[in-house]
Amino acid sequence: MSVTVEGRSLDELPSYAADPDEIEVVDLSGEDVERIVTEALEAAECTRAELEQQAADGEFTSEVARRMWFLVSSLDPNAP
C-alpha cells in the first residue's frame, strides 16, 4: 500500500522543514518585548485586560485581536 497526496507519493511532496543554516534566533530585550506588546495592543484596538478577557471567553472582537493575542501571549510566559 502506498500513500499518495494529489496523485503524488510522499517522496514527491515538497519539504517545508527549515534548513538549520537558515534559522536565525533573535534575543529580544525587555524594551523590545514591551514595544511589540504595545504595538500589538494598538493594532487590536484594546487594552491588555480586554484582550485577556477576550482570550478567556474564547471570543475575539476581530481576527486582528485574535492574532495579536497569539503574539502577546507567546511573548509573556505568565499570560493566561
Protein backbone atom coordinates (compact mmCIF):
# COMPACT_ATOMS: atom_id res chain seq x y z
CA MET A 1 0.00 0.00 0.00
CA SER A 2 1.37 3.41 -0.89
CA VAL A 3 0.16 6.76 0.34
CA THR A 4 -0.43 9.49 -2.19
CA VAL A 5 -1.50 13.10 -1.93
CA GLU A 6 -2.97 14.70 -5.02
CA GLY A 7 -1.56 11.83 -7.04
CA ARG A 8 1.98 12.21 -5.72
CA SER A 9 3.83 9.88 -3.39
CA LEU A 10 5.12 11.23 -0.10
CA ASP A 11 8.64 11.28 -1.53
CA GLU A 12 7.48 13.63 -4.29
CA LEU A 13 5.90 16.18 -1.94
CA PRO A 14 7.86 19.33 -1.10
CA SER A 15 9.54 19.52 2.28
CA TYR A 16 8.80 22.54 4.42
CA ALA A 17 11.40 21.79 7.05
CA ALA A 18 13.68 24.73 7.74
CA ASP A 19 17.30 24.47 6.82
CA PRO A 20 19.19 24.73 10.14
CA ASP A 21 21.67 27.09 8.48
CA GLU A 22 18.82 29.50 7.67
CA ILE A 23 17.33 29.70 11.17
CA GLU A 24 18.02 32.96 12.95
CA VAL A 25 17.48 33.20 16.69
CA VAL A 26 16.70 36.69 17.93
CA ASP A 27 17.16 37.59 21.57
CA LEU A 28 14.66 40.30 22.50
CA SER A 29 15.30 42.76 25.27
CA GLY A 30 12.59 43.69 27.75
CA GLU A 31 12.21 47.00 25.93
CA ASP A 32 11.73 45.18 22.62
CA VAL A 33 9.02 42.97 24.09
CA GLU A 34 7.28 45.95 25.68
CA ARG A 35 7.29 47.81 22.36
CA ILE A 36 5.96 44.79 20.48
CA VAL A 37 3.17 44.25 23.02
CA THR A 38 2.23 47.94 22.92
CA GLU A 39 2.06 47.90 19.13
CA ALA A 40 0.04 44.67 19.18
CA LEU A 41 -2.49 46.16 21.59
CA GLU A 42 -2.78 49.24 19.40
CA ALA A 43 -3.39 47.03 16.37
CA ALA A 44 -6.03 45.06 18.29
CA GLU A 45 -7.59 48.34 19.43
CA CYS A 46 -7.97 47.21 23.03
CA THR A 47 -6.20 47.14 26.36
CA ARG A 48 -4.23 44.20 27.69
CA ALA A 49 -7.04 43.41 30.14
CA GLU A 50 -9.64 43.49 27.36
CA LEU A 51 -7.54 41.22 25.18
CA GLU A 52 -7.01 38.79 28.07
CA GLN A 53 -10.77 38.73 28.67
CA GLN A 54 -11.45 38.03 25.01
CA ALA A 55 -8.98 35.15 25.18
CA ALA A 56 -10.58 33.81 28.36
CA ASP A 57 -14.01 33.99 26.72
CA GLY A 58 -12.69 32.43 23.53
CA GLU A 59 -14.33 35.21 21.54
CA PHE A 60 -12.22 37.90 19.95
CA THR A 61 -13.65 41.13 18.59
CA SER A 62 -11.68 40.67 15.38
CA GLU A 63 -9.21 38.46 13.60
CA VAL A 64 -6.56 41.08 14.33
CA ALA A 65 -7.31 40.82 18.06
CA ARG A 66 -7.01 37.03 17.91
CA ARG A 67 -3.68 37.22 16.12
CA MET A 68 -2.37 39.88 18.48
CA TRP A 69 -3.33 37.68 21.45
CA PHE A 70 -1.28 34.88 19.93
CA LEU A 71 1.67 37.25 19.66
CA VAL A 72 1.27 38.83 23.10
CA SER A 73 0.70 35.54 24.91
CA SER A 74 3.67 33.91 23.22
CA LEU A 75 5.95 36.69 24.47
CA ASP A 76 4.66 36.53 28.05
CA PRO A 77 5.20 33.24 29.89
CA ASN A 78 2.74 34.43 32.57
CA ALA A 79 -0.11 35.03 30.13
CA PRO A 80 -3.29 33.11 30.93
